[in-house]
Structures are given as structure tokens and as C-alpha cells.
């Protein structure tokens, strides 16, 4: 498939995009932009995007994907509360991951990858279960770190994005691949902005 054909299919997908799907995309991008700015409003914005995506996935009979949105909803509610928590157990400021948090993150990603791969192999007709499971499990880890307001969330989310982009192209979901590429670029700047904030605080 050449670039002209890919571009044609992308334009066709854009023209066929429903208002609900556009809403999900706009709020999804807005969530990442607000996260880059370290703005707590990323969570209510993200929740709207998640709810719109859940409706679309359910209507498309992608029930497993709909269920996975539940995780993002729970983590968004948890993150919203955690970011607003000014106590020592909250995440009112950006910080770096401790060794304990790093081990938990690797556990979420590693165990999630194995479990999801097993579920996809056993209960679905996925032709890319290994990569599909990897994209989701690393995104889980990134979302957990975002809820903890940890700098490393951007690394994990972009590991997920980096694998998701060619996977979406392979599935001929060109619009979503372009969206993921945009999110990938924004996440790079998000990491640099958060790191600059931490470096300034350490001076």
C-alpha cells in the first residue's frame, strides 16, 4: 500500500467520522495537552473522552476494549482525587518514581502483558495478540504513574504509543495512527516540561 492510497483512506475515514468520535478525539488530545501543562483538569476532560470512547466501542461490539476503558475511568477518578490530595499520601506535585514505585510499574506492565496475551489468545481471534497486549499493558503502567504524578509516566505512555502507531497502520486505522503520532510528540514535550519543573525545584 503506497502513501497515496493511505492518504486516500485517511481522508475517507475523516469524512466518515461521527460527531461522537470527534468528541472522543478532541477530549483525548485535550487530556494529553492538559497533562503536559500539569493541569488537574486533564482528568475531567479525559473522563469525557473515555465515556465517549466506551459508547463507540460498545456500539462496535468491541466488548473487551469497552471493558478496558473501565480501567482508564477508574484510574482517572483515582488520579483526580490523588492530584487534589495535599497530604503526604497524595500527588499534589510532580515527583520522580522511587524504587518501590518502579517495581510496581514493571509489575503492572509485565503481568498485564502476560495476562492480556493469554486472554487474547484464548478468547479472541486477534492476529496480533502479543503486540496488542503490550500496547495496553504499558499504557496501564503509564496511566498509573500519571495518577501518581510521576515524571516517568511519559516514558511508559510513549513506549505504548511507539508500538501502537505501526500496529494501527497495519490494521489500516490510519486516523487513529495519526492521532497516536500527535500524542507521541506531545508526550515528548510533556516529559521535557515536567523534567524542567523538577530540575527548577531541585535548584
N, C-alpha and C. Protein backbone atom coordinates (compact mmCIF):
# COMPACT_ATOMS: atom_id res chain seq x y z
N UNK A 1 0.85 -1.20 0.00
CA UNK A 1 0.00 0.00 0.00
C UNK A 1 0.88 1.25 0.00
N UNK A 2 0.74 2.12 -1.01
CA UNK A 2 1.58 3.30 -1.09
C UNK A 2 0.99 4.47 -0.31
N UNK A 3 1.74 5.57 -0.23
CA UNK A 3 1.32 6.72 0.56
C UNK A 3 0.05 7.36 0.01
N UNK A 4 -0.12 7.34 -1.30
CA UNK A 4 -1.33 7.93 -1.92
C UNK A 4 -2.57 7.17 -1.47
N UNK A 5 -2.47 5.85 -1.45
CA UNK A 5 -3.60 5.02 -1.03
C UNK A 5 -3.90 5.21 0.45
N UNK A 6 -2.83 5.30 1.26
CA UNK A 6 -3.00 5.54 2.70
C UNK A 6 -3.67 6.89 2.93
N UNK A 7 -3.20 7.92 2.20
CA UNK A 7 -3.78 9.25 2.33
C UNK A 7 -5.25 9.28 1.94
N UNK A 8 -5.59 8.53 0.87
CA UNK A 8 -6.98 8.46 0.43
C UNK A 8 -7.87 7.81 1.46
N UNK A 9 -7.38 6.73 2.07
CA UNK A 9 -8.17 6.05 3.09
C UNK A 9 -8.31 6.91 4.34
N UNK A 10 -7.26 7.66 4.67
CA UNK A 10 -7.32 8.56 5.83
C UNK A 10 -8.38 9.63 5.62
N UNK A 11 -8.40 10.24 4.42
CA UNK A 11 -9.40 11.26 4.12
C UNK A 11 -10.81 10.69 4.16
N UNK A 12 -10.95 9.45 3.69
CA UNK A 12 -12.26 8.80 3.72
C UNK A 12 -12.72 8.57 5.16
N UNK A 13 -11.78 8.14 6.01
CA UNK A 13 -12.12 7.93 7.42
C UNK A 13 -12.51 9.23 8.11
N UNK A 14 -11.79 10.31 7.77
CA UNK A 14 -12.10 11.61 8.37
C UNK A 14 -13.51 12.04 7.99
N UNK A 15 -13.87 11.86 6.72
CA UNK A 15 -15.20 12.25 6.24
C UNK A 15 -16.30 11.42 6.89
N UNK A 16 -15.99 10.18 7.26
CA UNK A 16 -16.99 9.28 7.84
C UNK A 16 -17.03 9.34 9.36
N UNK A 17 -16.17 10.16 9.93
CA UNK A 17 -16.10 10.23 11.39
C UNK A 17 -17.37 10.87 11.96
N UNK A 18 -17.95 10.22 12.96
CA UNK A 18 -19.18 10.70 13.58
C UNK A 18 -18.88 11.81 14.59
N UNK A 19 -19.89 12.65 14.93
CA UNK A 19 -19.67 13.69 15.94
C UNK A 19 -19.20 13.12 17.28
N UNK A 20 -19.72 11.95 17.67
CA UNK A 20 -19.30 11.34 18.93
C UNK A 20 -17.82 10.96 18.89
N UNK A 21 -17.37 10.44 17.74
CA UNK A 21 -15.96 10.06 17.59
C UNK A 21 -15.06 11.29 17.62
N UNK A 22 -15.50 12.36 16.96
CA UNK A 22 -14.73 13.60 17.00
C UNK A 22 -14.63 14.12 18.43
N UNK A 23 -15.74 14.00 19.17
CA UNK A 23 -15.73 14.44 20.58
C UNK A 23 -14.71 13.65 21.38
N UNK A 24 -14.69 12.33 21.16
CA UNK A 24 -13.73 11.47 21.86
C UNK A 24 -12.30 11.86 21.52
N UNK A 25 -12.04 12.15 20.25
CA UNK A 25 -10.70 12.52 19.80
C UNK A 25 -10.28 13.87 20.39
N UNK A 26 -11.18 14.86 20.31
CA UNK A 26 -10.85 16.20 20.81
C UNK A 26 -10.56 16.17 22.30
N UNK A 27 -11.39 15.47 23.06
CA UNK A 27 -11.16 15.42 24.51
C UNK A 27 -9.94 14.57 24.85
N UNK A 28 -9.65 13.55 24.02
CA UNK A 28 -8.46 12.74 24.24
C UNK A 28 -7.18 13.55 24.04
N UNK A 29 -7.14 14.36 22.98
CA UNK A 29 -5.99 15.23 22.73
C UNK A 29 -5.89 16.30 23.82
N UNK A 30 -7.04 16.86 24.19
CA UNK A 30 -7.05 17.90 25.22
C UNK A 30 -6.52 17.37 26.55
N UNK A 31 -6.84 16.11 26.85
CA UNK A 31 -6.35 15.50 28.08
C UNK A 31 -4.83 15.48 28.13
N UNK A 32 -4.20 15.07 27.03
CA UNK A 32 -2.74 14.99 27.00
C UNK A 32 -2.12 16.39 27.05
N UNK A 33 -2.73 17.34 26.37
CA UNK A 33 -2.21 18.72 26.40
C UNK A 33 -2.29 19.30 27.81
N UNK A 34 -3.37 19.01 28.51
CA UNK A 34 -3.51 19.49 29.88
C UNK A 34 -2.54 18.77 30.82
N UNK A 35 -2.30 17.49 30.56
CA UNK A 35 -1.32 16.74 31.35
C UNK A 35 0.07 17.35 31.17
N UNK A 36 0.39 17.72 29.93
CA UNK A 36 1.68 18.36 29.67
C UNK A 36 1.84 19.62 30.51
N UNK A 37 0.74 20.37 30.66
CA UNK A 37 0.76 21.61 31.43
C UNK A 37 0.62 21.36 32.93
N UNK A 38 0.58 20.07 33.33
CA UNK A 38 0.46 19.71 34.74
C UNK A 38 -0.82 20.29 35.35
N UNK A 39 -1.90 20.23 34.56
CA UNK A 39 -3.18 20.82 34.94
C UNK A 39 -4.16 19.72 35.32
N UNK A 40 -4.72 19.80 36.52
CA UNK A 40 -5.60 18.77 37.04
C UNK A 40 -6.86 18.58 36.19
N UNK A 41 -7.19 19.58 35.37
CA UNK A 41 -8.37 19.47 34.52
C UNK A 41 -8.22 18.40 33.44
N UNK A 42 -7.03 17.82 33.35
CA UNK A 42 -6.86 16.70 32.41
C UNK A 42 -7.80 15.56 32.75
N UNK A 43 -8.11 15.39 34.05
CA UNK A 43 -8.93 14.24 34.46
C UNK A 43 -10.40 14.38 34.08
N UNK A 44 -11.09 15.49 34.40
CA UNK A 44 -12.48 15.59 33.92
C UNK A 44 -12.56 15.57 32.40
N UNK A 45 -11.57 16.19 31.75
CA UNK A 45 -11.53 16.16 30.28
C UNK A 45 -11.36 14.73 29.77
N UNK A 46 -10.43 14.00 30.39
CA UNK A 46 -10.19 12.62 29.99
C UNK A 46 -11.40 11.73 30.23
N UNK A 47 -12.11 11.96 31.32
CA UNK A 47 -13.29 11.15 31.63
C UNK A 47 -14.35 11.30 30.54
N UNK A 48 -14.54 12.52 30.05
CA UNK A 48 -15.49 12.73 28.96
C UNK A 48 -15.06 11.94 27.73
N UNK A 49 -13.76 11.99 27.40
CA UNK A 49 -13.24 11.24 26.27
C UNK A 49 -13.42 9.74 26.44
N UNK A 50 -13.18 9.25 27.65
CA UNK A 50 -13.33 7.82 27.94
C UNK A 50 -14.78 7.38 27.77
N UNK A 51 -15.71 8.17 28.28
CA UNK A 51 -17.13 7.82 28.18
C UNK A 51 -17.59 7.79 26.72
N UNK A 52 -17.11 8.76 25.94
CA UNK A 52 -17.46 8.78 24.51
C UNK A 52 -16.85 7.56 23.80
N UNK A 53 -15.61 7.25 24.12
CA UNK A 53 -14.95 6.09 23.51
C UNK A 53 -15.66 4.80 23.89
N UNK A 54 -16.10 4.71 25.13
CA UNK A 54 -16.80 3.50 25.61
C UNK A 54 -18.08 3.26 24.82
N UNK A 55 -18.83 4.33 24.57
CA UNK A 55 -20.07 4.21 23.80
C UNK A 55 -19.75 3.71 22.38
N UNK A 56 -18.73 4.31 21.77
CA UNK A 56 -18.35 3.93 20.40
C UNK A 56 -17.89 2.47 20.34
N UNK A 57 -17.07 2.05 21.29
CA UNK A 57 -16.56 0.68 21.30
C UNK A 57 -17.69 -0.32 21.55
N UNK A 58 -18.62 0.03 22.44
CA UNK A 58 -19.74 -0.85 22.73
C UNK A 58 -20.64 -0.99 21.50
N UNK A 59 -20.87 0.14 20.82
CA UNK A 59 -21.69 0.10 19.60
C UNK A 59 -21.03 -0.73 18.51
N UNK A 60 -19.69 -0.78 18.53
CA UNK A 60 -18.94 -1.55 17.54
C UNK A 60 -18.78 -3.01 17.97
N UNK A 61 -19.39 -3.37 19.11
CA UNK A 61 -19.32 -4.73 19.66
C UNK A 61 -17.90 -5.14 20.04
N UNK A 62 -17.08 -4.15 20.38
CA UNK A 62 -15.73 -4.42 20.89
C UNK A 62 -15.80 -4.43 22.41
N UNK A 63 -16.37 -5.51 22.95
CA UNK A 63 -16.70 -5.55 24.37
C UNK A 63 -15.47 -5.59 25.27
N UNK A 64 -14.41 -6.28 24.82
CA UNK A 64 -13.19 -6.32 25.62
C UNK A 64 -12.56 -4.93 25.71
N UNK A 65 -12.54 -4.22 24.58
CA UNK A 65 -11.99 -2.87 24.57
C UNK A 65 -12.85 -1.93 25.43
N UNK A 66 -14.16 -2.16 25.41
CA UNK A 66 -15.05 -1.37 26.26
C UNK A 66 -14.73 -1.60 27.72
N UNK A 67 -14.48 -2.86 28.07
CA UNK A 67 -14.14 -3.20 29.45
C UNK A 67 -12.83 -2.53 29.86
N UNK A 68 -11.86 -2.48 28.96
CA UNK A 68 -10.57 -1.87 29.26
C UNK A 68 -10.72 -0.37 29.55
N UNK A 69 -11.72 0.25 28.92
CA UNK A 69 -11.96 1.67 29.20
C UNK A 69 -12.34 1.87 30.66
N UNK A 70 -12.91 0.82 31.26
CA UNK A 70 -13.25 0.90 32.68
C UNK A 70 -12.03 1.14 33.55
N UNK A 71 -10.90 0.52 33.18
CA UNK A 71 -9.65 0.74 33.92
C UNK A 71 -9.23 2.20 33.83
N UNK A 72 -9.31 2.75 32.62
CA UNK A 72 -8.92 4.15 32.44
C UNK A 72 -9.85 5.09 33.22
N UNK A 73 -11.13 4.72 33.30
CA UNK A 73 -12.08 5.53 34.06
C UNK A 73 -11.74 5.50 35.55
N UNK A 74 -11.47 4.30 36.07
CA UNK A 74 -11.12 4.16 37.49
C UNK A 74 -9.83 4.93 37.80
N UNK A 75 -8.81 4.79 36.93
CA UNK A 75 -7.54 5.48 37.16
C UNK A 75 -7.69 6.99 37.03
N UNK A 76 -8.61 7.44 36.18
CA UNK A 76 -8.84 8.87 36.05
C UNK A 76 -9.48 9.45 37.31
N UNK A 77 -10.45 8.72 37.85
CA UNK A 77 -11.10 9.17 39.08
C UNK A 77 -10.09 9.16 40.23
N UNK A 78 -9.28 8.09 40.30
CA UNK A 78 -8.25 7.99 41.34
C UNK A 78 -7.22 9.10 41.18
N UNK A 79 -6.77 9.34 39.95
CA UNK A 79 -5.78 10.38 39.71
C UNK A 79 -6.31 11.77 40.05
N UNK A 80 -7.56 12.01 39.70
CA UNK A 80 -8.20 13.31 40.01
C UNK A 80 -8.18 13.56 41.51
N UNK A 81 -8.57 12.55 42.28
CA UNK A 81 -8.57 12.67 43.73
C UNK A 81 -7.15 12.79 44.28
N UNK A 82 -6.23 12.01 43.70
CA UNK A 82 -4.85 11.98 44.20
C UNK A 82 -4.12 13.28 43.93
N UNK A 83 -4.36 13.87 42.76
CA UNK A 83 -3.72 15.14 42.44
C UNK A 83 -4.21 16.26 43.35
N UNK A 84 -5.46 16.15 43.78
CA UNK A 84 -6.02 17.18 44.65
C UNK A 84 -5.72 16.95 46.12
N UNK A 85 -5.10 15.81 46.45
CA UNK A 85 -4.78 15.45 47.83
C UNK A 85 -3.49 16.14 48.25
N UNK A 86 -3.60 17.06 49.20
CA UNK A 86 -2.44 17.83 49.64
C UNK A 86 -1.64 17.15 50.75
N UNK A 87 -2.09 16.00 51.21
CA UNK A 87 -1.38 15.30 52.27
C UNK A 87 -0.17 14.57 51.71
N UNK A 88 0.58 13.91 52.59
CA UNK A 88 1.80 13.20 52.17
C UNK A 88 1.48 11.99 51.31
N UNK A 89 0.25 11.50 51.36
CA UNK A 89 -0.13 10.33 50.57
C UNK A 89 -0.65 10.72 49.18
N UNK A 90 -0.81 12.00 48.95
CA UNK A 90 -1.35 12.47 47.68
C UNK A 90 -0.26 12.72 46.65
N UNK A 91 -0.67 13.38 45.56
CA UNK A 91 0.27 13.68 44.47
C UNK A 91 0.05 15.12 44.02
N UNK A 92 0.21 16.03 44.98
CA UNK A 92 -0.05 17.44 44.67
C UNK A 92 1.07 18.07 43.85
N UNK A 93 2.23 17.37 43.76
CA UNK A 93 3.35 17.90 42.99
C UNK A 93 3.98 16.80 42.13
N UNK A 94 4.65 17.22 41.08
CA UNK A 94 5.39 16.29 40.23
C UNK A 94 6.55 15.71 41.03
N UNK A 95 6.83 14.44 40.86
CA UNK A 95 7.97 13.81 41.53
C UNK A 95 8.51 12.68 40.66
N UNK A 96 9.68 12.18 41.03
CA UNK A 96 10.27 11.04 40.34
C UNK A 96 9.88 9.75 41.04
N UNK A 97 9.89 8.67 40.30
CA UNK A 97 9.49 7.37 40.86
C UNK A 97 10.56 6.83 41.80
N UNK A 98 10.12 6.34 42.95
CA UNK A 98 11.02 5.66 43.86
C UNK A 98 11.28 4.24 43.35
N UNK A 99 12.21 3.53 43.98
CA UNK A 99 12.48 2.15 43.57
C UNK A 99 11.22 1.29 43.71
N UNK A 100 10.48 1.51 44.79
CA UNK A 100 9.24 0.73 45.02
C UNK A 100 8.23 0.99 43.91
N UNK A 101 8.04 2.26 43.56
CA UNK A 101 7.10 2.61 42.50
C UNK A 101 7.55 2.03 41.17
N UNK A 102 8.86 2.04 40.91
CA UNK A 102 9.37 1.46 39.66
C UNK A 102 9.08 -0.03 39.58
N UNK A 103 9.27 -0.75 40.69
CA UNK A 103 8.99 -2.19 40.70
C UNK A 103 7.51 -2.47 40.46
N UNK A 104 6.65 -1.65 41.09
CA UNK A 104 5.20 -1.82 40.90
C UNK A 104 4.84 -1.56 39.44
N UNK A 105 5.46 -0.52 38.86
CA UNK A 105 5.19 -0.18 37.45
C UNK A 105 5.57 -1.32 36.53
N UNK A 106 6.77 -1.89 36.75
CA UNK A 106 7.21 -3.03 35.94
C UNK A 106 6.28 -4.22 36.14
N UNK A 107 5.78 -4.37 37.37
CA UNK A 107 4.83 -5.46 37.64
C UNK A 107 3.53 -5.29 36.88
N UNK A 108 3.00 -4.06 36.88
CA UNK A 108 1.77 -3.78 36.13
C UNK A 108 1.97 -4.08 34.64
N UNK A 109 3.09 -3.60 34.10
CA UNK A 109 3.35 -3.79 32.67
C UNK A 109 3.62 -5.25 32.34
N UNK A 110 4.46 -5.91 33.14
CA UNK A 110 4.85 -7.29 32.85
C UNK A 110 3.72 -8.28 33.04
N UNK A 111 3.08 -8.23 34.21
CA UNK A 111 1.98 -9.15 34.48
C UNK A 111 0.79 -8.86 33.56
N UNK A 112 0.55 -7.57 33.33
CA UNK A 112 -0.54 -7.19 32.42
C UNK A 112 -0.31 -7.73 31.03
N UNK A 113 0.92 -7.68 30.56
CA UNK A 113 1.26 -8.18 29.23
C UNK A 113 0.99 -9.68 29.13
N UNK A 114 1.46 -10.41 30.12
CA UNK A 114 1.28 -11.88 30.12
C UNK A 114 -0.20 -12.25 30.19
N UNK A 115 -0.93 -11.62 31.13
CA UNK A 115 -2.34 -11.95 31.32
C UNK A 115 -3.18 -11.57 30.09
N UNK A 116 -2.94 -10.38 29.56
CA UNK A 116 -3.70 -9.94 28.39
C UNK A 116 -3.40 -10.81 27.17
N UNK A 117 -2.14 -11.17 27.02
CA UNK A 117 -1.77 -12.03 25.90
C UNK A 117 -2.52 -13.36 25.99
N UNK A 118 -2.57 -13.92 27.21
CA UNK A 118 -3.29 -15.18 27.40
C UNK A 118 -4.76 -15.06 27.10
N UNK A 119 -5.37 -13.96 27.55
CA UNK A 119 -6.80 -13.74 27.30
C UNK A 119 -7.07 -13.56 25.82
N UNK A 120 -6.24 -12.77 25.15
CA UNK A 120 -6.43 -12.53 23.72
C UNK A 120 -6.25 -13.81 22.91
N UNK A 121 -5.27 -14.63 23.30
CA UNK A 121 -5.05 -15.89 22.58
C UNK A 121 -6.20 -16.86 22.80
N UNK A 122 -6.74 -16.88 24.02
CA UNK A 122 -7.74 -17.89 24.38
C UNK A 122 -9.16 -17.50 23.95
N UNK A 123 -9.46 -16.21 23.99
CA UNK A 123 -10.86 -15.81 23.84
C UNK A 123 -11.15 -14.89 22.65
N UNK A 124 -10.13 -14.53 21.88
CA UNK A 124 -10.37 -13.66 20.73
C UNK A 124 -9.71 -14.23 19.48
N UNK A 125 -10.03 -13.62 18.35
CA UNK A 125 -9.41 -14.04 17.10
C UNK A 125 -8.33 -13.05 16.66
N UNK A 126 -7.73 -12.36 17.62
CA UNK A 126 -6.69 -11.38 17.33
C UNK A 126 -5.52 -12.03 16.60
N UNK A 127 -5.04 -11.33 15.55
CA UNK A 127 -3.87 -11.84 14.83
C UNK A 127 -2.59 -11.15 15.30
N UNK A 128 -2.72 -10.25 16.27
CA UNK A 128 -1.55 -9.58 16.84
C UNK A 128 -1.65 -9.54 18.38
N UNK A 129 -1.91 -10.67 19.03
CA UNK A 129 -2.14 -10.65 20.48
C UNK A 129 -0.94 -10.17 21.28
N UNK A 130 0.27 -10.48 20.84
CA UNK A 130 1.47 -10.11 21.59
C UNK A 130 1.65 -8.59 21.62
N UNK A 131 1.54 -7.97 20.45
CA UNK A 131 1.70 -6.52 20.38
C UNK A 131 0.51 -5.79 20.99
N UNK A 132 -0.69 -6.30 20.75
CA UNK A 132 -1.90 -5.69 21.30
C UNK A 132 -1.83 -5.67 22.83
N UNK A 133 -1.41 -6.79 23.41
CA UNK A 133 -1.29 -6.88 24.86
C UNK A 133 -0.20 -5.95 25.38
N UNK A 134 0.89 -5.83 24.64
CA UNK A 134 1.99 -4.96 25.05
C UNK A 134 1.56 -3.49 25.07
N UNK A 135 0.87 -3.07 24.02
CA UNK A 135 0.41 -1.67 23.95
C UNK A 135 -0.49 -1.34 25.14
N UNK A 136 -1.41 -2.24 25.45
CA UNK A 136 -2.34 -1.98 26.54
C UNK A 136 -1.66 -2.02 27.90
N UNK A 137 -0.81 -3.01 28.15
CA UNK A 137 -0.18 -3.15 29.46
C UNK A 137 0.77 -2.00 29.77
N UNK A 138 1.51 -1.52 28.78
CA UNK A 138 2.39 -0.38 29.03
C UNK A 138 1.59 0.91 29.22
N UNK A 139 0.45 1.01 28.54
CA UNK A 139 -0.43 2.16 28.77
C UNK A 139 -1.02 2.11 30.18
N UNK A 140 -1.36 0.91 30.65
CA UNK A 140 -1.83 0.76 32.04
C UNK A 140 -0.78 1.30 33.02
N UNK A 141 0.47 0.90 32.81
CA UNK A 141 1.55 1.33 33.69
C UNK A 141 1.69 2.86 33.64
N UNK A 142 1.62 3.42 32.43
CA UNK A 142 1.73 4.87 32.28
C UNK A 142 0.60 5.62 32.95
N UNK A 143 -0.61 5.11 32.83
CA UNK A 143 -1.77 5.76 33.46
C UNK A 143 -1.65 5.73 34.98
N UNK A 144 -1.12 4.63 35.51
CA UNK A 144 -0.94 4.51 36.97
C UNK A 144 0.08 5.54 37.45
N UNK A 145 1.17 5.69 36.70
CA UNK A 145 2.19 6.68 37.07
C UNK A 145 1.67 8.11 36.92
N UNK A 146 0.82 8.34 35.91
CA UNK A 146 0.23 9.67 35.75
C UNK A 146 -0.64 10.01 36.96
N UNK A 147 -1.40 9.03 37.43
CA UNK A 147 -2.23 9.24 38.62
C UNK A 147 -1.37 9.55 39.84
N UNK A 148 -0.14 9.03 39.86
CA UNK A 148 0.80 9.30 40.95
C UNK A 148 1.61 10.58 40.70
N UNK A 149 1.39 11.20 39.56
CA UNK A 149 2.09 12.43 39.13
C UNK A 149 3.59 12.21 39.06
N UNK A 150 3.98 11.07 38.50
CA UNK A 150 5.38 10.72 38.36
C UNK A 150 5.89 11.09 36.98
N UNK A 151 7.09 11.62 36.92
CA UNK A 151 7.70 12.03 35.66
C UNK A 151 7.73 10.91 34.64
N UNK A 152 8.01 9.70 35.11
CA UNK A 152 8.21 8.56 34.21
C UNK A 152 6.95 8.11 33.49
N UNK A 153 5.79 8.68 33.83
CA UNK A 153 4.55 8.29 33.14
C UNK A 153 4.68 8.53 31.65
N UNK A 154 5.38 9.62 31.28
CA UNK A 154 5.52 9.97 29.86
C UNK A 154 6.32 8.92 29.10
N UNK A 155 7.32 8.35 29.76
CA UNK A 155 8.14 7.32 29.12
C UNK A 155 7.30 6.09 28.81
N UNK A 156 6.55 5.64 29.81
CA UNK A 156 5.72 4.43 29.62
C UNK A 156 4.63 4.66 28.58
N UNK A 157 3.98 5.82 28.63
CA UNK A 157 2.93 6.11 27.66
C UNK A 157 3.49 6.17 26.25
N UNK A 158 4.72 6.68 26.11
CA UNK A 158 5.29 6.76 24.77
C UNK A 158 5.85 5.44 24.28
N UNK A 159 6.24 4.56 25.18
CA UNK A 159 6.60 3.20 24.77
C UNK A 159 5.36 2.54 24.16
N UNK A 160 4.21 2.75 24.81
CA UNK A 160 2.95 2.22 24.30
C UNK A 160 2.61 2.84 22.94
N UNK A 161 2.74 4.18 22.85
CA UNK A 161 2.44 4.88 21.59
C UNK A 161 3.35 4.43 20.45
N UNK A 162 4.63 4.23 20.76
CA UNK A 162 5.61 3.87 19.74
C UNK A 162 5.26 2.55 19.07
N UNK A 163 4.75 1.61 19.84
CA UNK A 163 4.34 0.31 19.28
C UNK A 163 2.95 0.41 18.65
N UNK A 164 2.10 1.26 19.22
CA UNK A 164 0.73 1.38 18.73
C UNK A 164 0.66 1.98 17.33
N UNK A 165 1.56 2.91 17.00
CA UNK A 165 1.49 3.60 15.71
C UNK A 165 1.59 2.63 14.54
N UNK A 166 2.65 1.80 14.45
CA UNK A 166 2.70 0.85 13.33
C UNK A 166 1.61 -0.21 13.40
N UNK A 167 1.19 -0.55 14.63
CA UNK A 167 0.12 -1.53 14.79
C UNK A 167 -1.19 -1.01 14.20
N UNK A 168 -1.49 0.25 14.42
CA UNK A 168 -2.69 0.87 13.88
C UNK A 168 -2.62 1.00 12.36
N UNK A 169 -1.42 1.28 11.84
CA UNK A 169 -1.24 1.33 10.39
C UNK A 169 -1.49 -0.06 9.79
N UNK A 170 -0.95 -1.07 10.45
CA UNK A 170 -1.15 -2.45 10.00
C UNK A 170 -2.64 -2.80 9.96
N UNK A 171 -3.40 -2.29 10.93
CA UNK A 171 -4.84 -2.53 10.99
C UNK A 171 -5.62 -1.58 10.09
N UNK A 172 -4.89 -0.71 9.37
CA UNK A 172 -5.48 0.27 8.46
C UNK A 172 -6.40 1.25 9.18
N UNK A 173 -6.06 1.54 10.44
CA UNK A 173 -6.77 2.56 11.21
C UNK A 173 -5.91 3.83 11.16
N UNK A 174 -5.86 4.43 9.99
CA UNK A 174 -4.90 5.50 9.74
C UNK A 174 -5.18 6.75 10.55
N UNK A 175 -6.46 7.06 10.76
CA UNK A 175 -6.79 8.25 11.53
C UNK A 175 -6.29 8.11 12.97
N UNK A 176 -6.50 6.93 13.55
CA UNK A 176 -6.04 6.70 14.92
C UNK A 176 -4.52 6.65 14.99
N UNK A 177 -3.87 6.20 13.92
CA UNK A 177 -2.40 6.18 13.92
C UNK A 177 -1.85 7.61 13.89
N UNK A 178 -2.50 8.49 13.13
CA UNK A 178 -2.09 9.90 13.10
C UNK A 178 -2.32 10.54 14.46
N UNK A 179 -3.46 10.25 15.08
CA UNK A 179 -3.77 10.77 16.41
C UNK A 179 -2.71 10.31 17.41
N UNK A 180 -2.35 9.03 17.35
CA UNK A 180 -1.36 8.48 18.27
C UNK A 180 0.00 9.11 18.05
N UNK A 181 0.33 9.40 16.79
CA UNK A 181 1.58 10.09 16.49
C UNK A 181 1.60 11.48 17.12
N UNK A 182 0.47 12.18 17.04
CA UNK A 182 0.36 13.50 17.67
C UNK A 182 0.56 13.38 19.17
N UNK A 183 -0.08 12.39 19.78
CA UNK A 183 0.05 12.18 21.22
C UNK A 183 1.49 11.84 21.59
N UNK A 184 2.17 11.08 20.71
CA UNK A 184 3.57 10.72 20.93
C UNK A 184 4.44 11.98 21.01
N UNK A 185 4.24 12.90 20.07
CA UNK A 185 5.02 14.14 20.04
C UNK A 185 4.71 15.00 21.26
N UNK A 186 3.43 15.12 21.61
CA UNK A 186 3.04 15.92 22.78
C UNK A 186 3.65 15.33 24.04
N UNK A 187 3.70 14.00 24.14
CA UNK A 187 4.25 13.34 25.33
C UNK A 187 5.74 13.63 25.49
N UNK A 188 6.46 13.76 24.37
CA UNK A 188 7.88 14.12 24.45
C UNK A 188 8.04 15.49 25.12
N UNK A 189 7.22 16.44 24.68
CA UNK A 189 7.28 17.77 25.27
C UNK A 189 6.76 17.76 26.72
N UNK A 190 5.79 16.88 26.99
CA UNK A 190 5.30 16.74 28.35
C UNK A 190 6.41 16.30 29.29
N UNK A 191 7.19 15.31 28.85
CA UNK A 191 8.31 14.83 29.66
C UNK A 191 9.31 15.95 29.91
N UNK A 192 9.66 16.69 28.85
CA UNK A 192 10.65 17.77 28.98
C UNK A 192 10.14 18.88 29.89
N UNK A 193 8.84 19.22 29.78
CA UNK A 193 8.26 20.25 30.65
C UNK A 193 8.27 19.83 32.11
N UNK A 194 7.86 18.59 32.37
CA UNK A 194 7.83 18.10 33.75
C UNK A 194 9.24 17.99 34.33
N UNK A 195 10.18 17.54 33.52
CA UNK A 195 11.58 17.42 33.98
C UNK A 195 12.14 18.80 34.30
N UNK A 196 11.83 19.80 33.46
CA UNK A 196 12.28 21.16 33.71
C UNK A 196 11.72 21.69 35.03
N UNK A 197 10.45 21.37 35.30
CA UNK A 197 9.83 21.78 36.55
C UNK A 197 10.54 21.17 37.75
N UNK A 198 10.87 19.87 37.64
CA UNK A 198 11.58 19.19 38.72
C UNK A 198 12.98 19.74 38.91
N UNK A 199 13.67 19.96 37.80
CA UNK A 199 15.04 20.48 37.87
C UNK A 199 15.06 21.87 38.51
N UNK A 200 14.06 22.69 38.18
CA UNK A 200 13.96 24.03 38.78
C UNK A 200 13.71 23.95 40.27
N UNK A 201 12.85 23.00 40.68
CA UNK A 201 12.54 22.84 42.10
C UNK A 201 13.74 22.33 42.89
N UNK A 202 14.64 21.56 42.22
CA UNK A 202 15.81 21.00 42.91
C UNK A 202 16.93 22.01 43.07
N UNK A 203 16.85 23.12 42.33
CA UNK A 203 17.93 24.11 42.41
C UNK A 203 17.93 24.87 43.73
